Protein backbone atom coordinates (compact mmCIF):
# COMPACT_ATOMS: atom_id res chain seq x y z
CA UNK A 1 26.18 270.26 57.85
CA UNK A 2 29.42 268.27 58.05
CA UNK A 3 30.50 269.57 54.65
CA UNK A 4 29.63 273.14 55.65
CA UNK A 5 31.73 272.95 58.81
CA UNK A 6 34.68 271.49 56.93
CA UNK A 7 34.36 274.24 54.32
CA UNK A 8 34.20 276.85 57.09
CA UNK A 9 37.34 275.48 58.72
CA UNK A 10 39.15 275.51 55.38
CA UNK A 11 38.09 279.10 54.74
CA UNK A 12 39.29 280.20 58.18
CA UNK A 13 42.58 278.41 57.63
CA UNK A 14 43.20 280.09 54.27
CA UNK A 15 42.17 283.53 55.53
CA UNK A 16 44.55 283.18 58.46
CA UNK A 17 47.43 282.47 56.09
CA UNK A 18 46.53 285.44 53.89
CA UNK A 19 46.24 287.81 56.84
CA UNK A 20 49.39 286.74 58.70
CA UNK A 21 52.60 286.27 56.72
CA UNK A 22 54.37 284.78 59.73
CA UNK A 23 51.66 282.15 60.04
CA UNK A 24 52.01 281.38 56.32
CA UNK A 25 55.77 281.07 56.70
CA UNK A 26 55.35 278.84 59.75
CA UNK A 27 52.86 276.59 57.93
CA UNK A 28 55.22 276.27 54.96
CA UNK A 29 58.20 275.51 57.18
CA UNK A 30 56.18 273.11 59.35
CA UNK A 31 54.81 271.39 56.26
CA UNK A 32 58.30 270.95 54.83
CA UNK A 33 59.59 269.58 58.13
CA UNK A 34 56.68 267.17 58.53
CA UNK A 35 57.01 266.18 54.89
CA UNK A 36 60.71 265.47 55.35
CA UNK A 37 60.03 263.21 58.34
CA UNK A 38 57.24 261.39 56.51
CA UNK A 39 59.41 260.84 53.44
CA UNK A 40 62.21 259.43 55.60
CA UNK A 41 59.74 257.06 57.25
CA UNK A 42 58.25 256.02 53.90
CA UNK A 43 61.71 255.33 52.45
CA UNK A 44 62.62 253.27 55.51
CA UNK A 45 59.49 251.13 55.11
CA UNK A 46 60.08 250.83 51.37
CA UNK A 47 63.58 249.44 52.01
CA UNK A 48 62.32 247.09 54.72
CA UNK A 49 63.04 243.39 54.23
CA UNK A 50 60.84 240.54 55.51
CA UNK A 51 63.38 239.93 58.30
CA UNK A 52 63.00 243.55 59.47
CA UNK A 53 59.18 243.51 59.41
CA UNK A 54 58.56 242.36 63.04
CA UNK A 55 60.88 245.04 64.43
CA UNK A 56 59.34 247.73 62.20
CA UNK A 57 55.83 246.68 63.22
CA UNK A 58 56.67 247.04 66.91
CA UNK A 59 57.96 250.54 66.20
CA UNK A 60 54.77 251.38 64.30
CA UNK A 61 52.53 250.19 67.14
CA UNK A 62 54.48 252.20 69.71
CA UNK A 63 54.72 255.37 67.60
CA UNK A 64 51.05 255.29 66.62
CA UNK A 65 50.08 255.00 70.30
CA UNK A 66 52.36 257.95 71.14
CA UNK A 67 50.81 260.04 68.36
CA UNK A 68 47.26 259.34 69.55
CA UNK A 69 48.30 259.99 73.15
CA UNK A 70 49.92 263.24 72.06
CA UNK A 71 46.74 264.37 70.33
CA UNK A 72 44.84 263.57 73.53
CA UNK A 73 46.87 265.51 76.09
CA UNK A 74 49.02 268.06 74.22
CA UNK A 75 46.19 270.39 73.06
CA UNK A 76 44.67 270.58 76.54
CA UNK A 77 47.89 271.38 78.37
CA UNK A 78 50.19 272.89 75.75
CA UNK A 79 48.90 274.21 72.43
CA UNK A 80 45.11 274.26 72.60
CA UNK A 81 42.71 273.39 69.79
CA UNK A 82 41.54 275.80 67.12
CA UNK A 83 39.52 278.38 69.03
CA UNK A 84 37.48 279.33 65.96
CA UNK A 85 35.85 275.87 65.88
CA UNK A 86 35.02 275.47 69.56
CA UNK A 87 31.47 274.21 70.25
CA UNK A 88 30.73 277.34 72.32
CA UNK A 89 30.94 279.49 69.19
CA UNK A 90 27.96 277.67 67.68
CA UNK A 91 25.68 278.21 70.68
CA UNK A 92 23.59 280.82 68.79
CA UNK A 93 22.88 278.51 65.88
CA UNK A 94 20.09 275.88 65.95
CA UNK A 95 22.44 272.97 65.28
CA UNK A 96 21.98 269.72 67.16
CA UNK A 97 24.99 268.15 68.85
CA UNK A 98 24.58 265.05 66.68
CA UNK A 99 25.17 267.14 63.55
CA UNK A 100 27.71 269.53 65.05
CA UNK A 101 30.02 266.90 66.56
CA UNK A 102 31.02 265.02 63.35
CA UNK A 103 31.62 268.28 61.49
CA UNK A 104 33.91 269.63 64.20
CA UNK A 105 35.68 266.28 64.41
CA UNK A 106 36.46 265.98 60.70
CA UNK A 107 37.32 269.67 60.43
CA UNK A 108 40.20 268.98 62.81
CA UNK A 109 42.10 267.27 60.00
CA UNK A 110 42.49 270.59 58.16
CA UNK A 111 45.93 271.95 58.91
CA UNK A 112 49.49 270.68 58.95
CA UNK A 113 49.19 268.55 62.13
CA UNK A 114 45.95 266.88 61.05
CA UNK A 115 47.11 266.11 57.52
CA UNK A 116 50.52 264.93 58.75
CA UNK A 117 48.87 262.59 61.27
CA UNK A 118 46.60 261.08 58.64
CA UNK A 119 49.49 260.56 56.20
CA UNK A 120 51.67 259.10 58.96
CA UNK A 121 49.02 256.55 59.88
CA UNK A 122 48.60 255.49 56.25
CA UNK A 123 52.36 255.21 55.72
CA UNK A 124 52.68 253.18 58.93
CA UNK A 125 50.29 250.61 57.47
CA UNK A 126 52.96 249.61 54.94
CA UNK A 127 54.94 247.93 57.69
CA UNK A 128 52.57 245.03 56.90
CA UNK A 129 53.23 245.21 53.14
CA UNK A 130 54.39 241.59 52.78
CA UNK A 131 50.84 240.31 53.27
CA UNK A 132 48.04 241.85 51.19
CA UNK A 133 45.33 241.08 53.74
CA UNK A 134 47.35 242.51 56.61
CA UNK A 135 48.19 245.58 54.51
CA UNK A 136 44.49 246.21 53.90
CA UNK A 137 43.77 245.84 57.61
CA UNK A 138 46.73 248.09 58.33
CA UNK A 139 45.25 250.86 56.17
CA UNK A 140 41.93 250.49 57.99
CA UNK A 141 43.79 250.57 61.32
CA UNK A 142 45.59 253.73 60.21
CA UNK A 143 42.32 255.48 59.36
CA UNK A 144 40.74 254.49 62.67
CA UNK A 145 43.89 255.54 64.57
CA UNK A 146 43.83 258.97 62.92
CA UNK A 147 40.14 259.27 63.76
CA UNK A 148 40.85 258.21 67.35
CA UNK A 149 43.55 260.87 67.63
CA UNK A 150 41.08 263.60 66.68
CA UNK A 151 38.22 262.16 68.74
CA UNK A 152 40.22 261.60 71.93
CA UNK A 153 41.87 264.99 71.66
CA UNK A 154 38.67 266.93 71.04
CA UNK A 155 36.75 265.05 73.71
CA UNK A 156 39.35 265.73 76.38
CA UNK A 157 39.93 269.32 75.24
CA UNK A 158 36.21 270.15 75.08
CA UNK A 159 35.59 268.62 78.50
CA UNK A 160 38.66 270.36 79.91
CA UNK A 161 37.49 273.78 78.69
CA UNK A 162 33.89 273.25 79.81
CA UNK A 163 34.28 272.15 83.43
CA UNK A 164 35.38 274.52 86.15
CA UNK A 165 39.18 274.28 86.33
CA UNK A 166 40.83 275.32 89.56
CA UNK A 167 43.65 277.80 89.13
CA UNK A 168 47.00 276.08 88.86
CA UNK A 169 45.64 272.64 87.92
CA UNK A 170 46.30 273.10 84.22
CA UNK A 171 49.74 274.58 84.80
CA UNK A 172 50.71 271.79 87.19
CA UNK A 173 49.54 269.20 84.69
CA UNK A 174 51.54 270.90 81.96
CA UNK A 175 54.75 270.71 83.94
CA UNK A 176 54.13 267.11 85.02
CA UNK A 177 53.60 266.07 81.41
CA UNK A 178 56.69 268.00 80.34
CA UNK A 179 58.97 266.15 82.77
CA UNK A 180 59.17 262.90 80.72
CA UNK A 181 60.19 264.98 77.71
CA UNK A 182 62.99 266.54 79.75
CA UNK A 183 64.30 263.10 80.74
CA UNK A 184 63.92 261.56 77.28
CA UNK A 185 67.10 263.14 75.91
CA UNK A 186 69.39 261.92 78.71
CA UNK A 187 67.80 258.48 78.52
CA UNK A 188 68.54 258.31 74.79
CA UNK A 189 72.08 259.54 75.47
CA UNK A 190 72.72 256.45 77.59
CA UNK A 191 72.26 254.27 74.49
CA UNK A 192 75.42 253.60 72.54
CA UNK A 193 76.94 251.11 70.11
CA UNK A 194 77.73 248.80 73.02
CA UNK A 195 74.06 248.59 74.08
CA UNK A 196 72.70 245.06 73.83
CA UNK A 197 70.50 244.74 70.73
CA UNK A 198 68.34 242.09 72.37
CA UNK A 199 67.66 244.43 75.28
CA UNK A 200 66.37 247.10 72.90
CA UNK A 201 64.14 244.56 71.13
CA UNK A 202 62.74 243.29 74.42
CA UNK A 203 62.00 246.80 75.67
CA UNK A 204 60.36 247.73 72.36
CA UNK A 205 58.31 244.53 72.38
CA UNK A 206 57.06 245.32 75.88
CA UNK A 207 56.13 248.87 74.87
CA UNK A 208 54.31 247.61 71.77
CA UNK A 209 52.41 245.00 73.79
CA UNK A 210 51.31 247.54 76.39
CA UNK A 211 50.34 249.98 73.63
CA UNK A 212 48.30 247.33 71.83
CA UNK A 213 46.17 246.80 74.93
CA UNK A 214 45.55 250.54 75.32
CA UNK A 215 42.98 252.69 73.57
CA UNK A 216 45.79 254.66 71.91
CA UNK A 217 47.51 251.84 70.02
CA UNK A 218 44.82 249.17 69.90
CA UNK A 219 44.15 249.28 66.14
CA UNK A 220 47.73 248.84 64.94
CA UNK A 221 48.31 246.53 67.89
CA UNK A 222 45.56 244.25 66.60
CA UNK A 223 47.12 244.03 63.13
CA UNK A 224 50.54 243.39 64.69
CA UNK A 225 49.06 240.59 66.80
CA UNK A 226 47.42 239.00 63.75
CA UNK A 227 50.73 239.25 61.86
CA UNK A 228 52.44 237.49 64.79
CA UNK A 229 49.85 234.70 64.75
CA UNK A 230 48.33 235.67 68.10
CA UNK A 231 44.64 235.70 67.20
CA UNK A 232 43.35 236.12 70.77
CA UNK A 233 45.56 239.15 71.31
CA UNK A 234 44.37 240.62 68.01
CA UNK A 235 40.70 240.17 68.84
CA UNK A 236 41.13 241.71 72.30
CA UNK A 237 42.97 244.72 70.86
CA UNK A 238 40.30 245.17 68.19
CA UNK A 239 37.54 245.13 70.79
CA UNK A 240 39.43 247.63 72.95
CA UNK A 241 39.90 249.96 69.98
CA UNK A 242 36.30 249.92 68.75
CA UNK A 243 34.77 250.09 72.23
CA UNK A 244 37.00 253.06 73.03
CA UNK A 245 35.87 254.84 69.87
CA UNK A 246 32.19 254.23 70.54
CA UNK A 247 32.36 255.26 74.20
CA UNK A 248 34.41 258.34 73.39
CA UNK A 249 32.03 259.32 70.60
CA UNK A 250 29.04 259.15 72.95
CA UNK A 251 30.92 261.26 75.49
CA UNK A 252 31.99 263.73 72.80
CA UNK A 253 28.43 264.29 71.60
CA UNK A 254 27.25 264.88 75.16
CA UNK A 255 30.15 267.22 75.91
CA UNK A 256 29.53 269.18 72.70
CA UNK A 257 25.87 269.50 73.64
CA UNK A 258 26.82 270.81 77.07
CA UNK A 259 29.57 273.09 75.72
CA UNK A 260 27.17 274.71 73.26
CA UNK A 261 25.03 276.01 76.13
CA UNK A 262 27.52 276.27 79.04
CA UNK A 263 30.42 278.70 78.65
CA UNK A 264 33.76 277.68 80.15
CA UNK A 265 34.50 279.02 83.57
CA UNK A 266 37.50 279.12 85.83
CA UNK A 267 37.41 279.06 89.59
CA UNK A 268 37.98 282.56 90.91
CA UNK A 269 41.07 283.36 92.90
CA UNK A 270 40.85 284.34 96.55
CA UNK A 271 40.80 287.99 97.52
CA UNK A 272 44.03 289.27 99.00
CA UNK A 273 44.03 292.07 101.57
CA UNK A 274 46.61 294.83 101.34
CA UNK A 275 49.14 295.53 98.61
CA UNK A 276 51.08 292.30 99.01
CA UNK A 277 54.56 292.44 97.53
CA UNK A 278 53.93 295.91 96.13
CA UNK A 279 53.66 297.23 99.69
CA UNK A 280 56.93 295.55 100.68
CA UNK A 281 58.98 297.17 97.92
CA UNK A 282 60.40 300.74 97.98
CA UNK A 283 57.78 303.47 97.41
CA UNK A 284 59.17 304.36 94.00
CA UNK A 285 57.95 303.69 90.45
CA UNK A 286 60.53 300.97 89.90
CA UNK A 287 59.69 299.50 93.33
CA UNK A 288 55.98 299.28 92.47
CA UNK A 289 56.82 297.64 89.15
CA UNK A 290 59.15 295.19 90.89
CA UNK A 291 56.40 294.30 93.38
CA UNK A 292 53.86 293.69 90.62
CA UNK A 293 56.35 291.64 88.62
CA UNK A 294 57.21 289.59 91.70
CA UNK A 295 53.51 288.78 92.14
CA UNK A 296 53.51 287.57 88.54
CA UNK A 297 56.47 285.33 89.30
CA UNK A 298 54.58 283.69 92.15
CA UNK A 299 51.08 283.61 90.60
CA UNK A 300 51.48 283.43 86.82
CA UNK A 301 52.34 279.96 85.49
CA UNK A 302 54.00 281.50 82.43
CA UNK A 303 56.73 282.76 84.75
CA UNK A 304 56.69 280.08 87.44
CA UNK A 305 57.07 277.27 84.87
CA UNK A 306 60.67 278.37 84.35
CA UNK A 307 61.26 278.02 88.11
CA UNK A 308 60.04 274.43 88.05
CA UNK A 309 62.42 273.68 85.18
CA UNK A 310 65.43 274.70 87.30
CA UNK A 311 65.45 271.64 89.62
CA UNK A 312 64.65 269.46 86.63
CA UNK A 313 67.68 270.86 84.82
CA UNK A 314 69.87 270.23 87.87
CA UNK A 315 68.63 266.64 88.18
CA UNK A 316 68.99 265.86 84.46
CA UNK A 317 72.35 267.52 83.81
CA UNK A 318 73.96 267.39 87.23
CA UNK A 319 72.79 263.99 88.53
CA UNK A 320 71.15 261.77 85.92
CA UNK A 321 73.65 262.15 83.08
CA UNK A 322 76.82 261.84 85.22
CA UNK A 323 75.46 258.69 86.88
CA UNK A 324 74.30 256.90 83.73
CA UNK A 325 76.64 258.44 81.15
CA UNK A 326 79.97 259.45 82.75
CA UNK A 327 81.17 260.98 79.48
CA UNK A 328 78.33 263.53 79.80
CA UNK A 329 79.37 264.65 83.29
CA UNK A 330 80.76 267.85 81.77
CA UNK A 331 77.21 269.22 81.62
CA UNK A 332 77.07 269.33 85.41
CA UNK A 333 79.88 271.88 85.44
CA UNK A 334 77.88 274.17 83.14
CA UNK A 335 74.53 273.82 84.92
CA UNK A 336 74.96 277.11 86.80
CA UNK A 337 75.82 279.06 83.66
CA UNK A 338 72.84 277.59 81.81
CA UNK A 339 70.45 278.33 84.67
CA UNK A 340 71.78 281.89 84.94
CA UNK A 341 71.15 282.44 81.24
CA UNK A 342 67.73 280.77 81.56
CA UNK A 343 66.63 283.00 84.44
CA UNK A 344 67.66 286.11 82.53
CA UNK A 345 65.95 284.83 79.42
CA UNK A 346 62.70 284.36 81.37
CA UNK A 347 61.96 288.13 81.23
CA UNK A 348 62.87 288.57 77.56
CA UNK A 349 59.15 288.96 76.74
CA UNK A 350 57.91 290.67 79.91
CA UNK A 351 56.03 293.47 78.13
CA UNK A 352 54.43 290.90 75.84
CA UNK A 353 53.36 288.88 78.89
CA UNK A 354 51.78 291.99 80.45
CA UNK A 355 49.21 292.03 77.65
CA UNK A 356 46.70 294.88 78.09
CA UNK A 357 47.88 295.46 81.69
CA UNK A 358 50.82 297.31 80.15
CA UNK A 359 48.54 300.34 79.74
CA UNK A 360 48.99 301.11 83.47
CA UNK A 361 52.66 301.85 82.80
CA UNK A 362 51.81 304.02 79.80
CA UNK A 363 49.08 306.06 81.51
CA UNK A 364 51.12 306.76 84.66
CA UNK A 365 54.10 308.05 82.71
CA UNK A 366 56.66 305.59 84.04
CA UNK A 367 60.17 306.27 82.72
CA UNK A 368 61.79 303.59 80.64
CA UNK A 369 64.69 302.91 82.99
CA UNK A 370 62.25 302.58 85.89
CA UNK A 371 60.21 299.98 84.02
CA UNK A 372 63.32 298.04 83.00
CA UNK A 373 64.93 298.23 86.45
CA UNK A 374 61.77 297.16 88.27
CA UNK A 375 61.39 294.01 86.19
CA UNK A 376 65.07 293.10 86.63
CA UNK A 377 64.93 293.64 90.41
CA UNK A 378 61.86 291.38 90.67
CA UNK A 379 63.64 288.40 89.19
CA UNK A 380 66.88 288.81 91.17
CA UNK A 381 65.87 287.07 94.46
CA UNK A 382 64.56 284.02 92.65
CA UNK A 383 67.54 284.03 90.29
CA UNK A 384 70.11 284.13 93.08
CA UNK A 385 68.57 281.05 94.69
CA UNK A 386 68.32 279.15 91.39
CA UNK A 387 71.82 280.09 90.27
CA UNK A 388 73.31 279.24 93.66
CA UNK A 389 71.75 275.78 93.71
CA UNK A 390 72.64 274.95 90.11
CA UNK A 391 76.22 276.19 90.48
CA UNK A 392 76.92 274.29 93.71
CA UNK A 393 74.84 271.08 93.86
CA UNK A 394 76.12 269.40 90.65
CA UNK A 395 79.74 270.13 91.58
CA UNK A 396 79.24 268.63 95.03
CA UNK A 397 77.86 265.49 93.40
CA UNK A 398 80.76 265.39 90.92
CA UNK A 399 83.28 265.93 93.76
CA UNK A 400 84.67 269.12 92.19
CA UNK A 401 84.35 271.37 95.23
CA UNK A 402 87.33 273.48 94.15
CA UNK A 403 85.33 274.65 91.10
CA UNK A 404 82.45 276.12 93.12
CA UNK A 405 83.84 279.71 93.31
CA UNK A 406 84.52 279.79 89.56
CA UNK A 407 81.10 278.28 88.87
CA UNK A 408 79.30 280.83 91.05
CA UNK A 409 81.06 283.80 89.46
CA UNK A 410 80.54 282.53 85.91
CA UNK A 411 76.87 281.81 86.66
CA UNK A 412 76.32 285.31 88.07
CA UNK A 413 77.99 286.78 85.00
CA UNK A 414 75.63 284.75 82.81
CA UNK A 415 72.70 286.05 84.84
CA UNK A 416 73.81 289.68 84.49
CA UNK A 417 74.45 289.40 80.76
CA UNK A 418 71.14 287.70 80.03
CA UNK A 419 69.19 290.15 82.22
CA UNK A 420 70.75 293.10 80.40
CA UNK A 421 69.91 291.64 77.00
CA UNK A 422 66.37 290.83 78.15
CA UNK A 423 65.87 294.42 79.35
CA UNK A 424 66.72 295.59 75.83
CA UNK A 425 65.06 292.83 73.78
CA UNK A 426 61.73 292.86 75.63
CA UNK A 427 61.34 296.61 74.98
CA UNK A 428 62.46 296.39 71.37
CA UNK A 429 60.65 293.32 70.03
CA UNK A 430 57.05 292.51 70.97
CA UNK A 431 55.44 289.28 69.77
CA UNK A 432 52.39 287.18 70.54
CA UNK A 433 52.75 285.05 73.67
CA UNK A 434 50.35 282.86 75.68
CA UNK A 435 47.74 285.07 77.28
CA UNK A 436 47.16 285.13 81.06
CA UNK A 437 45.59 281.83 82.06
CA UNK A 438 46.87 279.95 79.00
CA UNK A 439 49.39 277.13 79.05
CA UNK A 440 52.96 278.44 79.44
CA UNK A 441 54.03 276.12 76.62
CA UNK A 442 51.36 277.24 74.18
CA UNK A 443 52.44 278.99 70.97
CA UNK A 444 49.89 281.45 69.55
CA UNK A 445 48.98 280.75 65.89
CA UNK A 446 51.23 282.51 63.41
CA UNK A 447 53.84 283.65 65.93
CA UNK A 448 56.08 280.60 66.00
CA UNK A 449 58.58 281.79 63.39
CA UNK A 450 58.85 285.32 64.81
CA UNK A 451 59.42 283.89 68.30
CA UNK A 452 61.98 281.44 66.92
CA UNK A 453 63.99 284.14 65.12
CA UNK A 454 63.90 286.59 68.04
CA UNK A 455 64.87 284.02 70.65
CA UNK A 456 67.57 282.50 68.44
CA UNK A 457 69.22 285.89 67.91
CA UNK A 458 68.92 286.55 71.64
CA UNK A 459 70.65 283.28 72.54
CA UNK A 460 73.38 283.91 69.96
CA UNK A 461 74.02 287.33 71.51
CA UNK A 462 74.18 285.77 74.99
CA UNK A 463 76.66 283.16 73.75
CA UNK A 464 78.88 285.83 72.18
CA UNK A 465 78.88 288.08 75.24
CA UNK A 466 79.52 285.14 77.57
CA UNK A 467 82.39 283.75 75.49
CA UNK A 468 85.19 285.32 77.63
CA UNK A 469 83.56 284.11 80.85
CA UNK A 470 83.13 280.58 79.51
CA UNK A 471 86.74 280.50 78.28
CA UNK A 472 88.07 281.50 81.70
CA UNK A 473 85.83 278.92 83.35
CA UNK A 474 86.89 276.11 81.01
CA UNK A 475 90.55 276.91 81.63
CA UNK A 476 89.96 276.57 85.36
CA UNK A 477 87.99 273.36 84.81
CA UNK A 478 90.89 271.83 82.86
CA UNK A 479 93.32 272.97 85.57
CA UNK A 480 95.09 275.07 82.95
CA UNK A 481 94.43 278.43 84.56
CA UNK A 482 96.45 281.14 82.78
CA UNK A 483 94.66 284.15 84.26
CA UNK A 484 94.70 284.43 88.09
CA UNK A 485 91.45 283.76 89.91
CA UNK A 486 91.26 287.33 91.23
CA UNK A 487 91.33 288.69 87.67
CA UNK A 488 88.64 286.31 86.38
CA UNK A 489 86.49 287.04 89.44
CA UNK A 490 86.74 290.80 88.89
CA UNK A 491 86.05 290.38 85.18
CA UNK A 492 82.95 288.22 85.74
CA UNK A 493 81.47 290.64 88.28
CA UNK A 494 82.21 293.81 86.31
CA UNK A 495 81.23 292.31 82.94
CA UNK A 496 77.88 291.04 84.23
CA UNK A 497 77.07 294.35 85.93
CA UNK A 498 78.10 296.47 82.93
CA UNK A 499 76.01 294.47 80.45
CA UNK A 500 73.04 294.51 82.84
CA UNK A 501 73.23 298.30 83.41
CA UNK A 502 73.78 299.06 79.72
CA UNK A 503 70.85 296.82 78.78
CA UNK A 504 68.56 298.58 81.28
CA UNK A 505 69.68 301.98 79.98
CA UNK A 506 69.30 301.14 76.27
CA UNK A 507 66.00 299.35 76.87
CA UNK A 508 64.74 302.36 78.83
CA UNK A 509 65.77 304.76 76.05
CA UNK A 510 63.90 302.69 73.48
CA UNK A 511 60.90 302.44 75.81
CA UNK A 512 60.73 306.25 76.19
CA UNK A 513 61.10 306.81 72.47
CA UNK A 514 58.42 304.36 71.31
CA UNK A 515 55.93 303.92 74.18
CA UNK A 516 52.80 304.52 72.02
CA UNK A 517 54.03 302.07 69.39
CA UNK A 518 54.76 299.50 72.09
CA UNK A 519 51.23 299.84 73.44
CA UNK A 520 49.72 299.45 69.96
CA UNK A 521 51.77 296.32 69.33
CA UNK A 522 50.79 294.83 72.69
CA UNK A 523 47.09 295.46 72.00
CA UNK A 524 47.40 293.94 68.54
CA UNK A 525 48.81 290.71 69.97
CA UNK A 526 46.47 290.58 73.00
């Protein structure tokens, strides 16, 4: 049965590549990228000297723990596991959980992430290459670590999809887990050539020690402890690793057994009386669309996640980096412009996010400009608040109060330009996005490259159209203002409005001309 499930997963993987050229391209590109990183790591370990071995081993213990931890939490909150191999899909077949569980577990290694993880763990074992016995134990630790990554991830993901999950819990967890990633870049930026080497070694040693006593890094932590001569530490880490595997395996088998007979369910939302925001908007087609879109902004985590990122961006760029890295204080001056562009970008896939609900617009004969205008109006109240905070707060902290008017105008221009481009792009290019209820950070299989190309071209267009505004703003920031403030203010306001109106008009024209094709594309990606 295990071999049959692995063969089935391989067949599904190959068929997916044959059917979807974008998925094939993404797998090739992802494989090349992962291969490049693995080759760099292998070359670094090959060039390692005996004096470098302790430092490299601490890095291996920490990275292996992060990889296993990533496999545990990322699928549940961000990407999801392969839906074709969920235990619920085998409910109609007379397969016991004891036979189904190992097949599903080993089938998880098929694919770029699974293969890359296995190869990484085996390469990491060569940090112990100067002792044959430790190298052999390192290879064993790598295999068990790769197995733990799959087992922990599938156990948590299967449990997470089986129990009743209250609305908003998954989205809140996603954002909370994403916050450390947001702060990681600024924290790394604080490191420079003048940073004390001993401080880095001490911090890394602490991280490796903590990881070795956790279920995520226990196996490599045990080998590292044996290499350091700490036998007690090594035995304790080994026990932690094997006990964690056994306990998690028992839980996984039980969860698979339950999942095969109990479909996942989500707690229902409360009934709302009246029309809500739709009733508060003007009684026009664009007003109804704006009301519905505003409800999405408040209820749908795929939209609201971008709102949560706004204060994070202000804290990271406007507060954290200026305090810990004064040379990076320049980012605080651009926070408003970046947030304005981000808020406009947030509706660049609004039709794609509608999924099959888009048919209500098609059946009621809504005009293109009405659809585009309604979605833009819905995001304006939230955008004004976000742009105002991001344009003012960092400058107050940086004691550049005189730059607030320029920052506000440039930020509003960025908002208008990005909203206009989004009104055009979202009606012209439809691609697969996370479905309602999915993680806002999830990327549907096979759509990564199309999303990357579309969003990259969008951001390039925003940068080009915002170039005059940014130039005027930088001149004012450097106190080398050549153009009077009144002229730059008028330009920012008019330029943002013109691009926004033109984008709504062009997006509406395309919408009217290709509404049936838009609906077909939306259904295909639903």
